[in-house]
Amino acid sequence: MPISGLVLTLSDEPSLQQAALSQLALDSRLSLGELQVNRLPVVAETDTIRQSTRLVREELIMIPGVIFVDVVMVDFSDTPETDESVVEPTTHKTHDRPDARPPD
């Protein structure tokens, strides 16, 4: 089971920040830490490497109010080697959304 330590940068806009927190709290794959200004520590647990990759690269950044996803650590030591052991690397940039900008 891949486990990822993440830090999400959330919007400074209170309504977007609250909407993001509400949506993130509904996702059973995520354990949310305590919000620090606009940064939220998150632990993500998925069943496969592919699911983990999709969550980090695509799903989280598409949540309105999530501005940036920092990957702090990833552990897949207990995941079978046959579990999509090779994931194609990509260059990921912030999506072209009006509220998306790199962190300060």
C-alpha atoms as a PDB file:
ATOM      1  CA  MET A   1       0.000   0.000   0.000  1.00  0.00           C
ATOM      2  CA  PRO A   2       1.736   3.202  -1.146  1.00  0.00           C
ATOM      3  CA  ILE A   3       1.804   5.944   1.481  1.00  0.00           C
ATOM      4  CA  SER A   4       2.575   9.542   0.523  1.00  0.00           C
ATOM      5  CA  GLY A   5       3.395  12.481   2.765  1.00  0.00           C
ATOM      6  CA  LEU A   6       2.160  15.657   1.103  1.00  0.00           C
ATOM      7  CA  VAL A   7       1.810  19.348   1.812  1.00  0.00           C
ATOM      8  CA  LEU A   8      -1.038  21.035  -0.031  1.00  0.00           C
ATOM      9  CA  THR A   9      -0.984  24.776  -0.578  1.00  0.00           C
ATOM     10  CA  LEU A  10      -4.521  26.086  -0.403  1.00  0.00           C
ATOM     11  CA  SER A  11      -6.015  29.308  -1.691  1.00  0.00           C
ATOM     12  CA  ASP A  12      -5.831  32.437   0.465  1.00  0.00           C
ATOM     13  CA  GLU A  13      -9.489  33.047  -0.431  1.00  0.00           C
ATOM     14  CA  PRO A  14     -11.477  31.839   2.640  1.00  0.00           C
ATOM     15  CA  SER A  15     -14.399  30.371   0.678  1.00  0.00           C
ATOM     16  CA  LEU A  16     -12.106  28.430  -1.702  1.00  0.00           C
ATOM     17  CA  GLN A  17      -9.970  27.265   1.204  1.00  0.00           C
ATOM     18  CA  GLN A  18     -13.022  25.997   3.109  1.00  0.00           C
ATOM     19  CA  ALA A  19     -14.421  24.287   0.006  1.00  0.00           C
ATOM     20  CA  ALA A  20     -11.093  22.506  -0.540  1.00  0.00           C
ATOM     21  CA  LEU A  21     -10.910  21.415   3.105  1.00  0.00           C
ATOM     22  CA  SER A  22     -14.472  20.077   2.948  1.00  0.00           C
ATOM     23  CA  GLN A  23     -13.808  18.096  -0.223  1.00  0.00           C
ATOM     24  CA  LEU A  24     -10.493  16.727   1.059  1.00  0.00           C
ATOM     25  CA  ALA A  25     -12.103  15.626   4.334  1.00  0.00           C
ATOM     26  CA  LEU A  26     -14.550  13.431   2.383  1.00  0.00           C
ATOM     27  CA  ASP A  27     -11.763  11.422   0.716  1.00  0.00           C
ATOM     28  CA  SER A  28     -11.151   8.238   2.738  1.00  0.00           C
ATOM     29  CA  ARG A  29      -7.654   7.880   1.221  1.00  0.00           C
ATOM     30  CA  LEU A  30      -6.517  11.058   2.985  1.00  0.00           C
ATOM     31  CA  SER A  31      -5.614  11.849   6.583  1.00  0.00           C
ATOM     32  CA  LEU A  32      -5.517  15.598   7.083  1.00  0.00           C
ATOM     33  CA  GLY A  33      -3.206  17.392   9.483  1.00  0.00           C
ATOM     34  CA  GLU A  34      -3.671  20.817  11.013  1.00  0.00           C
ATOM     35  CA  LEU A  35      -3.878  23.733   8.584  1.00  0.00           C
ATOM     36  CA  GLN A  36      -0.927  26.130   8.976  1.00  0.00           C
ATOM     37  CA  VAL A  37      -1.897  29.456   7.380  1.00  0.00           C
ATOM     38  CA  ASN A  38      -2.611  28.077   3.877  1.00  0.00           C
ATOM     39  CA  ARG A  39      -0.563  24.850   3.992  1.00  0.00           C
ATOM     40  CA  LEU A  40      -2.121  21.523   4.881  1.00  0.00           C
ATOM     41  CA  PRO A  41      -0.111  18.394   5.744  1.00  0.00           C
ATOM     42  CA  VAL A  42      -1.745  15.260   4.301  1.00  0.00           C
ATOM     43  CA  VAL A  43      -1.020  11.540   4.408  1.00  0.00           C
ATOM     44  CA  ALA A  44      -2.405   9.651   1.400  1.00  0.00           C
ATOM     45  CA  GLU A  45      -2.855   5.871   1.371  1.00  0.00           C
ATOM     46  CA  THR A  46      -3.841   4.078  -1.819  1.00  0.00           C
ATOM     47  CA  ASP A  47      -4.001   0.449  -2.915  1.00  0.00           C
ATOM     48  CA  THR A  48      -1.630   0.723  -5.880  1.00  0.00           C
ATOM     49  CA  ILE A  49       1.222   2.869  -7.147  1.00  0.00           C
ATOM     50  CA  ARG A  50      -0.888   3.872 -10.149  1.00  0.00           C
ATOM     51  CA  GLN A  51      -3.687   5.121  -7.865  1.00  0.00           C
ATOM     52  CA  SER A  52      -1.177   7.049  -5.778  1.00  0.00           C
ATOM     53  CA  THR A  53       0.353   8.633  -8.860  1.00  0.00           C
ATOM     54  CA  ARG A  54      -3.054   9.632 -10.225  1.00  0.00           C
ATOM     55  CA  LEU A  55      -4.111  11.092  -6.874  1.00  0.00           C
ATOM     56  CA  VAL A  56      -0.975  13.224  -6.517  1.00  0.00           C
ATOM     57  CA  ARG A  57      -0.499  14.289 -10.143  1.00  0.00           C
ATOM     58  CA  GLU A  58      -4.095  14.765 -11.250  1.00  0.00           C
ATOM     59  CA  GLU A  59      -6.862  14.532  -8.663  1.00  0.00           C
ATOM     60  CA  LEU A  60      -5.671  16.754  -5.818  1.00  0.00           C
ATOM     61  CA  ILE A  61      -4.601  19.689  -7.991  1.00  0.00           C
ATOM     62  CA  MET A  62      -8.008  19.693  -9.696  1.00  0.00           C
ATOM     63  CA  ILE A  63      -9.837  20.395  -6.423  1.00  0.00           C
ATOM     64  CA  PRO A  64     -10.902  24.054  -6.411  1.00  0.00           C
ATOM     65  CA  GLY A  65      -8.888  25.829  -3.734  1.00  0.00           C
ATOM     66  CA  VAL A  66      -5.851  23.508  -3.981  1.00  0.00           C
ATOM     67  CA  ILE A  67      -3.079  25.616  -5.488  1.00  0.00           C
ATOM     68  CA  PHE A  68      -0.055  23.320  -5.269  1.00  0.00           C
ATOM     69  CA  VAL A  69       0.884  19.797  -4.140  1.00  0.00           C
ATOM     70  CA  ASP A  70       4.316  19.215  -2.599  1.00  0.00           C
ATOM     71  CA  VAL A  71       5.427  15.600  -2.256  1.00  0.00           C
ATOM     72  CA  VAL A  72       7.440  15.242   0.938  1.00  0.00           C
ATOM     73  CA  MET A  73       7.889  11.480   0.895  1.00  0.00           C
ATOM     74  CA  VAL A  74       6.551   8.312  -0.703  1.00  0.00           C
ATOM     75  CA  ASP A  75       6.843   4.788   0.706  1.00  0.00           C
ATOM     76  CA  PHE A  76       5.838   1.783  -1.343  1.00  0.00           C
ATOM     77  CA  SER A  77       8.174  -0.721   0.294  1.00  0.00           C
ATOM     78  CA  ASP A  78       5.329  -3.134   1.102  1.00  0.00           C
ATOM     79  CA  THR A  79       3.860  -2.915  -2.415  1.00  0.00           C
ATOM     80  CA  PRO A  80       4.456  -5.937  -4.648  1.00  0.00           C
ATOM     81  CA  GLU A  81       7.010  -5.309  -7.385  1.00  0.00           C
ATOM     82  CA  THR A  82       4.393  -6.245  -9.965  1.00  0.00           C
ATOM     83  CA  ASP A  83       2.222  -3.306  -8.913  1.00  0.00           C
ATOM     84  CA  GLU A  84       2.949  -1.034 -11.900  1.00  0.00           C
ATOM     85  CA  SER A  85       6.527  -0.800 -10.679  1.00  0.00           C
ATOM     86  CA  VAL A  86       7.455   1.510 -13.517  1.00  0.00           C
ATOM     87  CA  VAL A  87       5.421   4.690 -13.648  1.00  0.00           C
ATOM     88  CA  GLU A  88       6.269   7.008 -16.495  1.00  0.00           C
ATOM     89  CA  PRO A  89       7.726  10.282 -15.191  1.00  0.00           C
ATOM     90  CA  THR A  90       6.068  13.492 -16.280  1.00  0.00           C
ATOM     91  CA  THR A  91       6.813  17.139 -15.930  1.00  0.00           C
ATOM     92  CA  HIS A  92       3.927  18.590 -13.983  1.00  0.00           C
ATOM     93  CA  LYS A  93       3.053  22.218 -13.892  1.00  0.00           C
ATOM     94  CA  THR A  94       0.173  23.939 -12.193  1.00  0.00           C
ATOM     95  CA  HIS A  95      -2.977  23.683 -14.246  1.00  0.00           C
ATOM     96  CA  ASP A  96      -4.247  26.762 -16.020  1.00  0.00           C
ATOM     97  CA  ARG A  97      -6.922  27.612 -13.486  1.00  0.00           C
ATOM     98  CA  PRO A  98      -7.742  31.165 -12.399  1.00  0.00           C
ATOM     99  CA  ASP A  99      -6.947  30.337  -8.751  1.00  0.00           C
ATOM    100  CA  ALA A 100      -3.793  28.336  -9.506  1.00  0.00           C
ATOM    101  CA  ARG A 101      -0.446  29.935  -8.848  1.00  0.00           C
ATOM    102  CA  PRO A 102       2.844  28.675  -7.439  1.00  0.00           C
ATOM    103  CA  PRO A 103       3.311  29.158  -3.695  1.00  0.00           C
ATOM    104  CA  ASP A 104       5.128  32.265  -2.484  1.00  0.00           C
END
